[in-house]
């Protein structure tokens, strides 16, 4: 079993020649650790509840955070990071593809998110947050600007199949335009659609966002 890094060990961790604390991959941190500005973390690091991070910290793929962690401005997160409920993110934090967030997370202004990020119920977003092709599972509209298609999560497939009379199969995200793109204008003629459903259907007509467009 990996050793858990304590609050005291974080405080005494040596800095590199640029005055930055660099933590290796697969490091496990205890609850309530506090990190200063610009700290750097390797892939698949794990953090307990209530950890606090200063400006400009960066995290590699697959890091996992407990609930109620707090991140200051300009945090940078690579792919597939996962966050517990009630985390807070400062201004201009950026997230790569496939990150997931628990209930009640809060994002300050100008956050940016890669493809297929997912959010728990009750998350809040400041002005200027943009998400590329999010996964969405709620009856209310996404409270942020989106680019590209908005994809229902797998838990919503049955709902959409029954609403539209379609078969989504196992890989909905990759096949929806190919299979049903020509039907979307007819779906949108229905008078019983909710605002959320209309927004999602319209998003399926948008062109796929390429990496160079995701800025």
N, C-alpha and C. Protein backbone atom coordinates (compact mmCIF):
# COMPACT_ATOMS: atom_id res chain seq x y z
N UNK A 1 0.84 -1.20 0.00
CA UNK A 1 0.00 0.00 0.00
C UNK A 1 0.87 1.25 0.00
N UNK A 2 0.49 2.24 -0.79
CA UNK A 2 1.26 3.47 -0.86
C UNK A 2 1.17 4.24 0.44
N UNK A 3 2.26 4.90 0.77
CA UNK A 3 2.30 5.73 1.97
C UNK A 3 1.48 6.99 1.74
N UNK A 4 0.74 7.44 2.76
CA UNK A 4 -0.05 8.66 2.68
C UNK A 4 0.80 9.84 3.13
N UNK A 5 0.91 10.87 2.28
CA UNK A 5 1.66 12.08 2.62
C UNK A 5 0.81 12.95 3.53
N UNK A 6 1.35 13.35 4.65
CA UNK A 6 0.61 14.10 5.66
C UNK A 6 0.72 15.62 5.42
N UNK A 7 -0.06 16.37 6.17
CA UNK A 7 -0.03 17.83 6.10
C UNK A 7 1.37 18.35 6.40
N UNK A 8 2.00 17.80 7.41
CA UNK A 8 3.34 18.25 7.81
C UNK A 8 4.37 17.96 6.73
N UNK A 9 4.24 16.81 6.07
CA UNK A 9 5.19 16.46 5.00
C UNK A 9 5.01 17.36 3.78
N UNK A 10 3.78 17.75 3.49
CA UNK A 10 3.55 18.69 2.39
C UNK A 10 4.23 20.01 2.68
N UNK A 11 4.12 20.49 3.92
CA UNK A 11 4.71 21.78 4.29
C UNK A 11 6.23 21.77 4.16
N UNK A 12 6.85 20.63 4.44
CA UNK A 12 8.31 20.55 4.40
C UNK A 12 8.86 20.00 3.09
N UNK A 13 7.98 19.77 2.11
CA UNK A 13 8.40 19.21 0.82
C UNK A 13 9.38 20.17 0.14
N UNK A 14 10.49 19.69 -0.39
CA UNK A 14 11.48 20.59 -1.00
C UNK A 14 10.98 21.22 -2.30
N UNK A 15 11.44 22.41 -2.57
CA UNK A 15 11.12 23.10 -3.82
C UNK A 15 12.22 22.88 -4.84
N UNK A 16 11.87 22.97 -6.12
CA UNK A 16 12.90 22.84 -7.16
C UNK A 16 13.61 24.19 -7.36
N UNK A 17 14.45 24.26 -8.37
CA UNK A 17 15.26 25.47 -8.59
C UNK A 17 14.40 26.69 -8.94
N UNK A 18 13.13 26.43 -9.34
CA UNK A 18 12.23 27.54 -9.66
C UNK A 18 11.29 27.88 -8.51
N UNK A 19 11.56 27.28 -7.36
CA UNK A 19 10.73 27.57 -6.20
C UNK A 19 9.37 26.89 -6.21
N UNK A 20 9.25 25.79 -6.96
CA UNK A 20 7.99 25.07 -7.09
C UNK A 20 8.09 23.69 -6.47
N UNK A 21 7.06 23.30 -5.76
CA UNK A 21 7.00 21.94 -5.23
C UNK A 21 6.43 21.00 -6.29
N UNK A 22 7.19 19.96 -6.60
CA UNK A 22 6.78 18.99 -7.62
C UNK A 22 6.56 17.64 -6.94
N UNK A 23 5.36 17.10 -7.09
CA UNK A 23 5.01 15.84 -6.44
C UNK A 23 4.89 14.74 -7.50
N UNK A 24 5.44 13.56 -7.24
CA UNK A 24 5.46 12.50 -8.25
C UNK A 24 4.10 11.85 -8.46
N UNK A 25 3.99 11.09 -9.55
CA UNK A 25 2.77 10.36 -9.86
C UNK A 25 2.41 9.38 -8.75
N UNK A 26 1.13 9.12 -8.63
CA UNK A 26 0.57 8.13 -7.71
C UNK A 26 0.77 8.49 -6.23
N UNK A 27 1.05 9.74 -5.95
CA UNK A 27 1.16 10.16 -4.55
C UNK A 27 -0.23 10.28 -3.93
N UNK A 28 -0.36 9.84 -2.69
CA UNK A 28 -1.63 9.92 -1.95
C UNK A 28 -1.46 10.93 -0.82
N UNK A 29 -2.40 11.88 -0.74
CA UNK A 29 -2.32 12.93 0.26
C UNK A 29 -3.48 12.80 1.26
N UNK A 30 -3.22 13.12 2.50
CA UNK A 30 -4.25 13.03 3.53
C UNK A 30 -5.26 14.17 3.41
N UNK A 31 -6.30 14.13 4.20
CA UNK A 31 -7.29 15.20 4.22
C UNK A 31 -6.68 16.51 4.69
N UNK A 32 -7.22 17.61 4.16
CA UNK A 32 -6.88 18.93 4.67
C UNK A 32 -5.51 19.44 4.34
N UNK A 33 -4.82 18.85 3.36
CA UNK A 33 -3.51 19.36 2.97
C UNK A 33 -3.66 20.72 2.28
N UNK A 34 -2.66 21.57 2.46
CA UNK A 34 -2.67 22.90 1.86
C UNK A 34 -1.42 23.08 1.00
N UNK A 35 -1.62 23.52 -0.25
CA UNK A 35 -0.53 23.64 -1.20
C UNK A 35 -0.44 25.08 -1.69
N UNK A 36 0.76 25.61 -1.81
CA UNK A 36 0.96 26.97 -2.27
C UNK A 36 0.81 27.12 -3.77
N UNK A 37 1.21 28.27 -4.28
CA UNK A 37 1.10 28.57 -5.70
C UNK A 37 2.00 27.68 -6.56
N UNK A 38 1.48 27.35 -7.73
CA UNK A 38 2.29 26.73 -8.77
C UNK A 38 2.74 25.31 -8.52
N UNK A 39 2.18 24.62 -7.56
CA UNK A 39 2.58 23.23 -7.32
C UNK A 39 2.22 22.36 -8.52
N UNK A 40 3.04 21.31 -8.74
CA UNK A 40 2.85 20.44 -9.89
C UNK A 40 2.71 19.00 -9.42
N UNK A 41 1.73 18.28 -9.99
CA UNK A 41 1.43 16.93 -9.53
C UNK A 41 1.44 15.96 -10.71
N UNK A 42 2.07 14.80 -10.52
CA UNK A 42 2.08 13.76 -11.54
C UNK A 42 0.74 13.08 -11.67
N UNK A 43 0.67 12.11 -12.58
CA UNK A 43 -0.61 11.46 -12.87
C UNK A 43 -1.10 10.61 -11.71
N UNK A 44 -2.41 10.47 -11.64
CA UNK A 44 -3.13 9.60 -10.70
C UNK A 44 -2.74 9.89 -9.25
N UNK A 45 -2.56 11.14 -8.91
CA UNK A 45 -2.42 11.50 -7.50
C UNK A 45 -3.81 11.51 -6.87
N UNK A 46 -3.86 11.27 -5.57
CA UNK A 46 -5.14 11.19 -4.86
C UNK A 46 -5.11 12.11 -3.65
N UNK A 47 -6.18 12.87 -3.46
CA UNK A 47 -6.24 13.89 -2.42
C UNK A 47 -7.47 13.67 -1.54
N UNK A 48 -7.27 13.79 -0.22
CA UNK A 48 -8.39 13.63 0.70
C UNK A 48 -9.30 14.83 0.73
N UNK A 49 -10.31 14.76 1.56
CA UNK A 49 -11.32 15.81 1.70
C UNK A 49 -10.69 17.14 2.13
N UNK A 50 -11.19 18.22 1.53
CA UNK A 50 -10.87 19.56 2.02
C UNK A 50 -9.46 20.04 1.76
N UNK A 51 -8.78 19.52 0.76
CA UNK A 51 -7.46 20.05 0.42
C UNK A 51 -7.60 21.41 -0.25
N UNK A 52 -6.58 22.25 -0.07
CA UNK A 52 -6.61 23.62 -0.58
C UNK A 52 -5.38 23.85 -1.46
N UNK A 53 -5.58 24.50 -2.63
CA UNK A 53 -4.51 24.69 -3.60
C UNK A 53 -4.42 26.15 -4.01
N UNK A 54 -3.20 26.68 -4.08
CA UNK A 54 -2.98 28.06 -4.48
C UNK A 54 -3.07 28.26 -5.98
N UNK A 55 -2.79 29.49 -6.41
CA UNK A 55 -2.86 29.86 -7.83
C UNK A 55 -1.99 28.97 -8.71
N UNK A 56 -2.52 28.63 -9.88
CA UNK A 56 -1.70 28.05 -10.94
C UNK A 56 -1.16 26.67 -10.69
N UNK A 57 -1.80 25.89 -9.83
CA UNK A 57 -1.35 24.50 -9.65
C UNK A 57 -1.75 23.68 -10.88
N UNK A 58 -0.93 22.67 -11.20
CA UNK A 58 -1.20 21.85 -12.38
C UNK A 58 -1.22 20.37 -12.01
N UNK A 59 -2.12 19.62 -12.66
CA UNK A 59 -2.36 18.23 -12.31
C UNK A 59 -2.38 17.39 -13.59
N UNK A 60 -1.67 16.25 -13.55
CA UNK A 60 -1.62 15.36 -14.71
C UNK A 60 -2.85 14.45 -14.75
N UNK A 61 -2.90 13.57 -15.74
CA UNK A 61 -4.06 12.71 -15.98
C UNK A 61 -4.48 11.93 -14.74
N UNK A 62 -5.80 11.81 -14.59
CA UNK A 62 -6.36 10.84 -13.66
C UNK A 62 -6.25 11.16 -12.19
N UNK A 63 -6.03 12.40 -11.82
CA UNK A 63 -5.97 12.74 -10.40
C UNK A 63 -7.38 12.69 -9.80
N UNK A 64 -7.44 12.31 -8.53
CA UNK A 64 -8.72 12.12 -7.84
C UNK A 64 -8.74 12.98 -6.58
N UNK A 65 -9.85 13.73 -6.41
CA UNK A 65 -9.97 14.67 -5.30
C UNK A 65 -11.21 14.36 -4.47
N UNK A 66 -11.05 14.41 -3.16
CA UNK A 66 -12.18 14.24 -2.26
C UNK A 66 -13.10 15.45 -2.29
N UNK A 67 -14.16 15.37 -1.51
CA UNK A 67 -15.13 16.46 -1.53
C UNK A 67 -14.58 17.71 -0.84
N UNK A 68 -15.14 18.85 -1.25
CA UNK A 68 -14.88 20.16 -0.64
C UNK A 68 -13.43 20.60 -0.75
N UNK A 69 -12.76 20.19 -1.82
CA UNK A 69 -11.45 20.75 -2.10
C UNK A 69 -11.61 22.13 -2.73
N UNK A 70 -10.60 22.98 -2.56
CA UNK A 70 -10.68 24.35 -3.05
C UNK A 70 -9.44 24.69 -3.86
N UNK A 71 -9.66 25.28 -5.04
CA UNK A 71 -8.58 25.60 -5.98
C UNK A 71 -8.63 27.08 -6.32
N UNK A 72 -7.50 27.75 -6.20
CA UNK A 72 -7.45 29.16 -6.54
C UNK A 72 -7.39 29.32 -8.06
N UNK A 73 -7.10 30.51 -8.51
CA UNK A 73 -7.14 30.84 -9.94
C UNK A 73 -6.16 30.02 -10.78
N UNK A 74 -6.56 29.83 -12.04
CA UNK A 74 -5.70 29.29 -13.09
C UNK A 74 -5.19 27.87 -12.80
N UNK A 75 -5.95 27.09 -12.10
CA UNK A 75 -5.60 25.68 -11.96
C UNK A 75 -5.73 24.97 -13.31
N UNK A 76 -4.86 24.01 -13.57
CA UNK A 76 -4.85 23.30 -14.85
C UNK A 76 -4.92 21.80 -14.60
N UNK A 77 -5.90 21.13 -15.23
CA UNK A 77 -6.15 19.73 -14.96
C UNK A 77 -6.15 18.94 -16.28
N UNK A 78 -5.34 17.90 -16.34
CA UNK A 78 -5.32 17.05 -17.52
C UNK A 78 -6.52 16.11 -17.53
N UNK A 79 -6.51 15.14 -18.43
CA UNK A 79 -7.67 14.29 -18.67
C UNK A 79 -8.07 13.44 -17.48
N UNK A 80 -9.39 13.19 -17.43
CA UNK A 80 -9.98 12.18 -16.54
C UNK A 80 -9.78 12.47 -15.05
N UNK A 81 -9.62 13.70 -14.68
CA UNK A 81 -9.58 14.02 -13.25
C UNK A 81 -10.99 13.93 -12.69
N UNK A 82 -11.09 13.56 -11.41
CA UNK A 82 -12.38 13.34 -10.78
C UNK A 82 -12.45 14.11 -9.46
N UNK A 83 -13.59 14.77 -9.22
CA UNK A 83 -13.74 15.64 -8.06
C UNK A 83 -14.99 15.28 -7.27
N UNK A 84 -14.85 15.25 -5.94
CA UNK A 84 -15.99 14.99 -5.08
C UNK A 84 -16.93 16.17 -5.00
N UNK A 85 -18.01 16.00 -4.27
CA UNK A 85 -19.03 17.06 -4.21
C UNK A 85 -18.51 18.30 -3.48
N UNK A 86 -19.05 19.43 -3.87
CA UNK A 86 -18.79 20.68 -3.16
C UNK A 86 -17.42 21.27 -3.35
N UNK A 87 -16.71 20.92 -4.41
CA UNK A 87 -15.40 21.54 -4.66
C UNK A 87 -15.59 22.94 -5.25
N UNK A 88 -14.61 23.80 -5.00
CA UNK A 88 -14.66 25.17 -5.51
C UNK A 88 -13.45 25.44 -6.39
N UNK A 89 -13.68 26.12 -7.52
CA UNK A 89 -12.62 26.42 -8.49
C UNK A 89 -12.61 27.92 -8.79
N UNK A 90 -11.45 28.53 -8.69
CA UNK A 90 -11.31 29.95 -8.95
C UNK A 90 -11.35 30.30 -10.42
N UNK A 91 -11.13 31.56 -10.69
CA UNK A 91 -11.19 32.12 -12.02
C UNK A 91 -10.21 31.44 -12.98
N UNK A 92 -10.68 31.17 -14.20
CA UNK A 92 -9.86 30.70 -15.31
C UNK A 92 -9.20 29.35 -15.08
N UNK A 93 -9.85 28.48 -14.36
CA UNK A 93 -9.35 27.10 -14.29
C UNK A 93 -9.67 26.39 -15.61
N UNK A 94 -8.81 25.44 -15.99
CA UNK A 94 -9.00 24.73 -17.26
C UNK A 94 -8.93 23.22 -17.02
N UNK A 95 -9.80 22.51 -17.73
CA UNK A 95 -9.93 21.06 -17.56
C UNK A 95 -9.89 20.38 -18.93
N UNK A 96 -9.13 19.31 -19.03
CA UNK A 96 -9.07 18.55 -20.28
C UNK A 96 -10.24 17.56 -20.37
N UNK A 97 -10.22 16.73 -21.40
CA UNK A 97 -11.34 15.82 -21.68
C UNK A 97 -11.62 14.87 -20.52
N UNK A 98 -12.92 14.57 -20.36
CA UNK A 98 -13.34 13.47 -19.51
C UNK A 98 -13.28 13.70 -18.02
N UNK A 99 -13.20 14.93 -17.57
CA UNK A 99 -13.20 15.19 -16.12
C UNK A 99 -14.63 15.06 -15.58
N UNK A 100 -14.76 14.66 -14.33
CA UNK A 100 -16.08 14.50 -13.73
C UNK A 100 -16.13 15.21 -12.39
N UNK A 101 -17.31 15.78 -12.09
CA UNK A 101 -17.49 16.62 -10.91
C UNK A 101 -18.72 16.19 -10.13
N UNK A 102 -18.58 16.14 -8.81
CA UNK A 102 -19.69 15.75 -7.95
C UNK A 102 -20.72 16.86 -7.78
N UNK A 103 -21.73 16.60 -6.98
CA UNK A 103 -22.81 17.55 -6.75
C UNK A 103 -22.28 18.85 -6.14
N UNK A 104 -22.91 19.95 -6.55
CA UNK A 104 -22.69 21.22 -5.89
C UNK A 104 -21.31 21.82 -6.05
N UNK A 105 -20.56 21.43 -7.07
CA UNK A 105 -19.28 22.09 -7.31
C UNK A 105 -19.53 23.50 -7.85
N UNK A 106 -18.60 24.39 -7.58
CA UNK A 106 -18.76 25.79 -7.95
C UNK A 106 -17.56 26.27 -8.75
N UNK A 107 -17.83 26.92 -9.90
CA UNK A 107 -16.78 27.37 -10.80
C UNK A 107 -16.88 28.88 -10.97
N UNK A 108 -15.77 29.56 -10.75
CA UNK A 108 -15.74 31.00 -10.96
C UNK A 108 -15.71 31.31 -12.46
N UNK A 109 -15.48 32.55 -12.81
CA UNK A 109 -15.56 33.00 -14.19
C UNK A 109 -14.51 32.36 -15.10
N UNK A 110 -14.90 32.23 -16.37
CA UNK A 110 -14.01 31.88 -17.47
C UNK A 110 -13.35 30.51 -17.35
N UNK A 111 -14.04 29.58 -16.74
CA UNK A 111 -13.54 28.20 -16.73
C UNK A 111 -13.68 27.58 -18.12
N UNK A 112 -12.74 26.71 -18.49
CA UNK A 112 -12.81 26.04 -19.79
C UNK A 112 -12.69 24.53 -19.59
N UNK A 113 -13.48 23.79 -20.37
CA UNK A 113 -13.61 22.35 -20.17
C UNK A 113 -13.50 21.63 -21.51
N UNK A 114 -12.74 20.54 -21.54
CA UNK A 114 -12.62 19.72 -22.73
C UNK A 114 -13.85 18.85 -22.95
N UNK A 115 -13.76 17.94 -23.91
CA UNK A 115 -14.90 17.13 -24.31
C UNK A 115 -15.32 16.14 -23.23
N UNK A 116 -16.62 15.94 -23.16
CA UNK A 116 -17.25 14.87 -22.38
C UNK A 116 -16.93 14.94 -20.90
N UNK A 117 -16.92 16.14 -20.38
CA UNK A 117 -16.89 16.31 -18.93
C UNK A 117 -18.32 16.13 -18.41
N UNK A 118 -18.45 15.65 -17.18
CA UNK A 118 -19.78 15.43 -16.59
C UNK A 118 -19.86 16.13 -15.24
N UNK A 119 -21.08 16.51 -14.87
CA UNK A 119 -21.30 17.34 -13.69
C UNK A 119 -22.44 16.78 -12.84
N UNK A 120 -22.24 16.83 -11.53
CA UNK A 120 -23.31 16.45 -10.62
C UNK A 120 -24.38 17.52 -10.53
N UNK A 121 -25.47 17.20 -9.89
CA UNK A 121 -26.60 18.12 -9.75
C UNK A 121 -26.19 19.35 -8.95
N UNK A 122 -26.73 20.50 -9.35
CA UNK A 122 -26.55 21.71 -8.56
C UNK A 122 -25.22 22.39 -8.68
N UNK A 123 -24.41 22.06 -9.67
CA UNK A 123 -23.16 22.79 -9.87
C UNK A 123 -23.46 24.20 -10.38
N UNK A 124 -22.62 25.16 -10.02
CA UNK A 124 -22.83 26.54 -10.44
C UNK A 124 -21.62 27.03 -11.22
N UNK A 125 -21.88 27.93 -12.18
CA UNK A 125 -20.85 28.37 -13.11
C UNK A 125 -20.87 29.89 -13.25
N UNK A 126 -19.69 30.49 -13.18
CA UNK A 126 -19.56 31.92 -13.36
C UNK A 126 -19.63 32.32 -14.82
N UNK A 127 -19.61 33.60 -15.05
CA UNK A 127 -19.68 34.15 -16.39
C UNK A 127 -18.51 33.68 -17.25
N UNK A 128 -18.82 33.33 -18.49
CA UNK A 128 -17.77 32.99 -19.44
C UNK A 128 -17.27 31.57 -19.39
N UNK A 129 -17.89 30.69 -18.61
CA UNK A 129 -17.48 29.27 -18.62
C UNK A 129 -17.94 28.61 -19.92
N UNK A 130 -17.06 27.81 -20.53
CA UNK A 130 -17.35 27.17 -21.81
C UNK A 130 -16.99 25.69 -21.71
N UNK A 131 -17.92 24.83 -22.12
CA UNK A 131 -17.71 23.38 -22.08
C UNK A 131 -17.89 22.81 -23.48
N UNK A 132 -16.93 21.99 -23.92
CA UNK A 132 -17.00 21.35 -25.23
C UNK A 132 -17.68 20.00 -25.09
N UNK A 133 -18.79 19.82 -25.80
CA UNK A 133 -19.50 18.53 -25.87
C UNK A 133 -19.62 17.85 -24.50
N UNK A 134 -20.32 18.49 -23.56
CA UNK A 134 -20.45 17.89 -22.23
C UNK A 134 -21.39 16.69 -22.23
N UNK A 135 -21.26 15.86 -21.20
CA UNK A 135 -22.24 14.83 -20.89
C UNK A 135 -23.25 15.46 -19.92
N UNK A 136 -24.55 15.33 -20.23
CA UNK A 136 -25.55 16.02 -19.44
C UNK A 136 -26.71 15.09 -19.11
N UNK A 137 -27.16 15.09 -17.85
CA UNK A 137 -28.17 14.11 -17.43
C UNK A 137 -29.35 14.73 -16.69
N UNK A 138 -29.60 16.04 -16.91
CA UNK A 138 -30.62 16.73 -16.13
C UNK A 138 -31.71 17.30 -17.03
N UNK A 139 -32.89 17.59 -16.43
CA UNK A 139 -34.02 18.11 -17.20
C UNK A 139 -33.90 19.62 -17.42
N UNK A 140 -32.99 20.27 -16.71
CA UNK A 140 -32.77 21.69 -16.93
C UNK A 140 -31.57 21.90 -17.86
N UNK A 141 -31.53 23.05 -18.52
CA UNK A 141 -30.47 23.34 -19.47
C UNK A 141 -29.11 23.47 -18.79
N UNK A 142 -28.03 23.15 -19.49
CA UNK A 142 -26.69 23.43 -18.95
C UNK A 142 -26.54 24.93 -18.68
N UNK A 143 -26.08 25.30 -17.48
CA UNK A 143 -25.97 26.72 -17.14
C UNK A 143 -24.63 27.31 -17.57
N UNK A 144 -24.16 26.92 -18.74
CA UNK A 144 -22.88 27.41 -19.27
C UNK A 144 -22.96 27.37 -20.80
N UNK A 145 -22.06 28.08 -21.44
CA UNK A 145 -21.97 28.05 -22.89
C UNK A 145 -21.38 26.72 -23.33
N UNK A 146 -21.90 26.18 -24.41
CA UNK A 146 -21.37 24.91 -24.93
C UNK A 146 -20.90 25.08 -26.37
N UNK A 147 -19.94 24.24 -26.75
CA UNK A 147 -19.50 24.10 -28.13
C UNK A 147 -19.67 22.64 -28.52
N UNK A 148 -20.21 22.41 -29.70
CA UNK A 148 -20.41 21.04 -30.12
C UNK A 148 -21.64 20.41 -29.47
N UNK A 149 -21.81 19.12 -29.71
CA UNK A 149 -22.99 18.41 -29.24
C UNK A 149 -23.00 18.25 -27.72
N UNK A 150 -24.20 18.34 -27.15
CA UNK A 150 -24.42 18.01 -25.74
C UNK A 150 -24.93 16.57 -25.70
N UNK A 151 -24.22 15.70 -25.02
CA UNK A 151 -24.57 14.29 -25.02
C UNK A 151 -25.18 13.85 -23.70
N UNK A 152 -26.36 13.24 -23.72
CA UNK A 152 -26.90 12.65 -22.49
C UNK A 152 -25.99 11.53 -21.98
N UNK A 153 -25.92 11.39 -20.67
CA UNK A 153 -25.15 10.30 -20.09
C UNK A 153 -25.86 8.97 -20.35
N UNK A 154 -25.16 7.88 -20.10
CA UNK A 154 -25.73 6.55 -20.35
C UNK A 154 -27.00 6.32 -19.54
N UNK A 155 -27.10 6.95 -18.37
CA UNK A 155 -28.28 6.78 -17.53
C UNK A 155 -29.53 7.40 -18.17
N UNK A 156 -29.33 8.27 -19.18
CA UNK A 156 -30.45 8.93 -19.85
C UNK A 156 -30.80 8.31 -21.19
N UNK A 157 -30.08 7.30 -21.61
CA UNK A 157 -30.32 6.73 -22.93
C UNK A 157 -31.77 6.26 -23.10
N UNK A 158 -32.28 5.56 -22.08
CA UNK A 158 -33.65 5.04 -22.19
C UNK A 158 -34.65 6.17 -22.35
N UNK A 159 -34.44 7.25 -21.61
CA UNK A 159 -35.34 8.40 -21.71
C UNK A 159 -35.38 8.93 -23.14
N UNK A 160 -34.21 9.14 -23.74
CA UNK A 160 -34.15 9.70 -25.08
C UNK A 160 -34.67 8.70 -26.12
N UNK A 161 -34.43 7.44 -25.91
CA UNK A 161 -34.95 6.44 -26.84
C UNK A 161 -36.48 6.47 -26.86
N UNK A 162 -37.07 6.59 -25.66
CA UNK A 162 -38.53 6.62 -25.57
C UNK A 162 -39.09 7.94 -26.10
N UNK A 163 -38.40 9.04 -25.84
CA UNK A 163 -38.88 10.36 -26.28
C UNK A 163 -38.86 10.48 -27.81
N UNK A 164 -37.82 9.93 -28.43
CA UNK A 164 -37.63 10.14 -29.86
C UNK A 164 -37.89 8.90 -30.71
N UNK A 165 -38.10 7.77 -30.06
CA UNK A 165 -38.33 6.54 -30.82
C UNK A 165 -37.10 6.08 -31.57
N UNK A 166 -35.94 6.16 -30.94
CA UNK A 166 -34.69 5.79 -31.61
C UNK A 166 -33.96 4.74 -30.75
N UNK A 167 -32.94 4.16 -31.33
CA UNK A 167 -32.11 3.18 -30.63
C UNK A 167 -30.70 3.74 -30.54
N UNK A 168 -30.27 4.09 -29.35
CA UNK A 168 -28.96 4.73 -29.19
C UNK A 168 -27.81 3.74 -29.17
N UNK A 169 -28.07 2.48 -28.84
CA UNK A 169 -26.99 1.52 -28.80
C UNK A 169 -26.04 1.78 -27.64
N UNK A 170 -24.83 1.27 -27.75
CA UNK A 170 -23.86 1.35 -26.66
C UNK A 170 -22.93 2.55 -26.75
N UNK A 171 -22.76 3.10 -27.94
CA UNK A 171 -21.81 4.18 -28.10
C UNK A 171 -22.51 5.39 -28.72
N UNK A 172 -23.40 5.95 -27.93
CA UNK A 172 -24.25 7.04 -28.38
C UNK A 172 -23.45 8.21 -28.93
N UNK A 173 -22.42 8.62 -28.23
CA UNK A 173 -21.69 9.83 -28.60
C UNK A 173 -21.11 9.74 -30.01
N UNK A 174 -20.62 8.58 -30.40
CA UNK A 174 -19.94 8.46 -31.68
C UNK A 174 -20.87 8.23 -32.85
N UNK A 175 -22.10 7.77 -32.58
CA UNK A 175 -22.93 7.37 -33.70
C UNK A 175 -24.16 8.24 -33.92
N UNK A 176 -24.45 9.16 -33.03
CA UNK A 176 -25.72 9.86 -33.12
C UNK A 176 -25.89 10.64 -34.41
N UNK A 177 -24.86 11.39 -34.84
CA UNK A 177 -25.01 12.18 -36.07
C UNK A 177 -25.13 11.29 -37.29
N UNK A 178 -24.33 10.25 -37.31
CA UNK A 178 -24.35 9.35 -38.46
C UNK A 178 -25.71 8.68 -38.60
N UNK A 179 -26.30 8.28 -37.48
CA UNK A 179 -27.55 7.51 -37.53
C UNK A 179 -28.79 8.40 -37.61
N UNK A 180 -28.76 9.55 -36.92
CA UNK A 180 -30.01 10.30 -36.76
C UNK A 180 -29.93 11.77 -37.16
N UNK A 181 -28.81 12.18 -37.74
CA UNK A 181 -28.68 13.59 -38.11
C UNK A 181 -29.81 14.08 -39.02
N UNK A 182 -30.23 13.25 -39.96
CA UNK A 182 -31.27 13.66 -40.91
C UNK A 182 -32.64 13.75 -40.24
N UNK A 183 -32.80 13.12 -39.06
CA UNK A 183 -34.09 13.14 -38.37
C UNK A 183 -34.25 14.33 -37.41
N UNK A 184 -33.14 14.97 -37.08
CA UNK A 184 -33.21 16.01 -36.05
C UNK A 184 -34.13 17.16 -36.42
N UNK A 185 -34.13 17.67 -37.67
CA UNK A 185 -35.08 18.74 -38.01
C UNK A 185 -36.53 18.34 -37.76
N UNK A 186 -36.88 17.07 -38.01
CA UNK A 186 -38.25 16.62 -37.74
C UNK A 186 -38.52 16.54 -36.25
N UNK A 187 -37.52 16.06 -35.48
CA UNK A 187 -37.69 16.04 -34.02
C UNK A 187 -37.99 17.45 -33.50
N UNK A 188 -37.31 18.44 -34.06
CA UNK A 188 -37.44 19.82 -33.56
C UNK A 188 -38.78 20.45 -33.92
N UNK A 189 -39.55 19.83 -34.80
CA UNK A 189 -40.88 20.34 -35.14
C UNK A 189 -41.92 20.00 -34.08
N UNK A 190 -41.57 19.10 -33.19
CA UNK A 190 -42.53 18.72 -32.15
C UNK A 190 -42.83 19.89 -31.23
N UNK A 191 -44.07 19.93 -30.74
CA UNK A 191 -44.49 21.04 -29.88
C UNK A 191 -44.42 20.70 -28.40
N UNK A 192 -44.04 19.47 -28.08
CA UNK A 192 -44.01 19.06 -26.67
C UNK A 192 -42.61 19.02 -26.08
N UNK A 193 -41.64 19.56 -26.79
CA UNK A 193 -40.26 19.52 -26.31
C UNK A 193 -40.02 20.59 -25.25
N UNK A 194 -39.19 20.25 -24.27
CA UNK A 194 -38.79 21.24 -23.27
C UNK A 194 -37.65 22.10 -23.82
N UNK A 195 -37.36 23.20 -23.14
CA UNK A 195 -36.25 24.05 -23.57
C UNK A 195 -34.93 23.29 -23.55
N UNK A 196 -34.78 22.44 -22.54
CA UNK A 196 -33.55 21.66 -22.46
C UNK A 196 -33.45 20.70 -23.64
N UNK A 197 -34.54 20.03 -23.97
CA UNK A 197 -34.52 19.08 -25.09
C UNK A 197 -34.23 19.80 -26.42
N UNK A 198 -34.82 20.97 -26.60
CA UNK A 198 -34.57 21.73 -27.83
C UNK A 198 -33.11 22.12 -27.93
N UNK A 199 -32.55 22.57 -26.83
CA UNK A 199 -31.13 22.96 -26.86
C UNK A 199 -30.24 21.77 -27.18
N UNK A 200 -30.53 20.63 -26.59
CA UNK A 200 -29.70 19.44 -26.84
C UNK A 200 -29.84 18.99 -28.28
N UNK A 201 -31.06 18.95 -28.79
CA UNK A 201 -31.26 18.54 -30.19
C UNK A 201 -30.55 19.49 -31.15
N UNK A 202 -30.67 20.78 -30.91
CA UNK A 202 -29.97 21.74 -31.77
C UNK A 202 -28.46 21.55 -31.71
N UNK A 203 -27.96 21.18 -30.53
CA UNK A 203 -26.51 20.98 -30.41
C UNK A 203 -26.03 19.81 -31.24
N UNK A 204 -26.91 18.83 -31.48
CA UNK A 204 -26.53 17.67 -32.29
C UNK A 204 -26.31 18.05 -33.75
N UNK A 205 -26.79 19.22 -34.14
CA UNK A 205 -26.59 19.69 -35.50
C UNK A 205 -25.27 20.45 -35.68
N UNK A 206 -24.63 20.79 -34.56
CA UNK A 206 -23.38 21.55 -34.64
C UNK A 206 -22.25 20.66 -35.15
N UNK A 207 -21.27 21.29 -35.77
CA UNK A 207 -20.12 20.53 -36.24
C UNK A 207 -19.28 20.08 -35.06
N UNK A 208 -18.59 18.98 -35.25
CA UNK A 208 -17.70 18.47 -34.21
C UNK A 208 -16.56 19.47 -33.95
N UNK A 209 -16.27 19.67 -32.69
CA UNK A 209 -15.19 20.60 -32.34
C UNK A 209 -13.86 19.87 -32.43
N UNK A 210 -12.97 20.34 -33.28
CA UNK A 210 -11.66 19.77 -33.43
C UNK A 210 -10.71 20.39 -32.42
N UNK A 211 -9.58 19.70 -32.11
CA UNK A 211 -8.66 20.24 -31.11
C UNK A 211 -8.24 21.69 -31.36
N UNK A 212 -8.03 22.05 -32.63
CA UNK A 212 -7.58 23.41 -32.92
C UNK A 212 -8.70 24.43 -32.70
N UNK A 213 -9.97 23.94 -32.69
CA UNK A 213 -11.10 24.84 -32.45
C UNK A 213 -11.41 24.99 -30.97
N UNK A 214 -10.87 24.09 -30.17
CA UNK A 214 -11.21 24.02 -28.74
C UNK A 214 -10.35 25.03 -27.98
N UNK A 215 -10.63 26.29 -28.18
CA UNK A 215 -9.87 27.36 -27.55
C UNK A 215 -10.80 28.49 -27.14
